[in-house]
Structures are given as structure tokens and as C-alpha cells.
Amino acid sequence: METLKINGMSCGHCTSSVTKTLEAIPGLSQVTVNLDKGEATFTNSGVALEDIRAAVSKIGFDPGKLT
């Protein structure tokens, strides 16, 4: 499992948007987004981090570092 910080989420709609975006990326699975922690956790099967960060940025959130 990998964890990516997501800055800018403030409500359930935000977490839903991030979840749907990450689930739509082929190669990511078991996506969980936690509003309180401001992070997304997922299993990554070879997707480049920059592609994940670009998808999150495209919907208006600021992806932080992978932890």
C-alpha cells in the first residue's frame, strides 16, 4: 500500500471526487481516501507517481508527497 498526501480536501464530496479519480486509473486498486488525515491510500501496480499526482491536480487538489 502506498499513501499520498492530498491537500485541499474539506468535505465528503472532495473525498468522493479523489476516490473516483484514483479508481479510474488503471493499475490502482484498493483506493481509500481519508479526509481527516488528508491522504489517499492505494495499491499501485506500476503507475508512475507523476501520473497519479497529475490526475489529482487536474480535479483541483494539491497532491503532496508519497509516504
Protein backbone atom coordinates (compact mmCIF):
# COMPACT_ATOMS: atom_id res chain seq x y z
CA MET A 1 0.00 0.00 0.00
CA GLU A 2 1.15 3.49 -0.81
CA THR A 3 -0.08 6.72 0.75
CA LEU A 4 -0.24 10.08 -0.99
CA LYS A 5 -0.94 13.32 0.86
CA ILE A 6 -3.84 15.26 -0.68
CA ASN A 7 -4.07 18.93 0.27
CA GLY A 8 -7.24 20.96 -0.17
CA MET A 9 -9.93 18.41 0.72
CA SER A 10 -12.59 19.87 3.01
CA CYS A 11 -15.70 17.67 2.73
CA GLY A 12 -17.15 14.32 1.78
CA HIS A 13 -17.63 15.47 -1.80
CA CYS A 14 -13.89 16.12 -2.01
CA THR A 15 -13.03 12.62 -0.82
CA SER A 16 -15.55 11.15 -3.25
CA SER A 17 -14.01 13.07 -6.17
CA VAL A 18 -10.48 11.96 -5.28
CA THR A 19 -11.62 8.35 -4.78
CA LYS A 20 -13.37 8.22 -8.16
CA THR A 21 -10.40 9.81 -9.90
CA LEU A 22 -7.89 7.37 -8.42
CA GLU A 23 -10.13 4.35 -9.00
CA ALA A 24 -10.34 5.31 -12.69
CA ILE A 25 -6.56 4.97 -13.12
CA PRO A 26 -5.70 1.52 -14.48
CA GLY A 27 -3.18 -0.07 -12.13
CA LEU A 28 -4.51 1.43 -8.91
CA SER A 29 -6.74 -0.63 -6.62
CA GLN A 30 -7.97 -0.72 -3.04
CA VAL A 31 -8.30 3.07 -3.01
CA THR A 32 -9.20 4.65 0.33
CA VAL A 33 -9.32 8.42 0.88
CA ASN A 34 -9.25 9.79 4.43
CA LEU A 35 -10.49 13.37 4.87
CA ASP A 36 -9.23 13.73 8.45
CA LYS A 37 -5.70 12.64 7.56
CA GLY A 38 -5.74 14.39 4.17
CA GLU A 39 -4.42 11.37 2.34
CA ALA A 40 -5.21 8.63 -0.14
CA THR A 41 -4.04 5.06 0.29
CA PHE A 42 -3.94 2.58 -2.59
CA THR A 43 -2.26 -0.45 -4.08
CA ASN A 44 -0.16 0.55 -7.08
CA SER A 45 0.63 -1.91 -9.86
CA GLY A 46 3.17 0.14 -11.76
CA VAL A 47 1.55 3.55 -12.25
CA ALA A 48 4.07 6.41 -12.26
CA LEU A 49 3.73 8.74 -9.28
CA GLU A 50 3.68 11.76 -11.60
CA ASP A 51 0.63 10.33 -13.41
CA ILE A 52 -1.19 9.90 -10.10
CA ARG A 53 -0.25 13.40 -8.98
CA ALA A 54 -1.35 14.85 -12.35
CA ALA A 55 -4.78 13.21 -12.06
CA VAL A 56 -5.27 14.64 -8.56
CA SER A 57 -4.13 18.10 -9.69
CA LYS A 58 -6.48 18.01 -12.67
CA ILE A 59 -9.52 17.86 -10.35
CA GLY A 60 -8.31 20.81 -8.27
CA PHE A 61 -6.42 19.30 -5.35
CA ASP A 62 -2.77 19.63 -4.40
CA PRO A 63 -1.05 16.25 -4.22
CA GLY A 64 1.71 16.14 -1.65
CA LYS A 65 4.43 13.60 -1.12
CA LEU A 66 4.14 9.86 -1.21
CA THR A 67 4.60 8.48 2.29
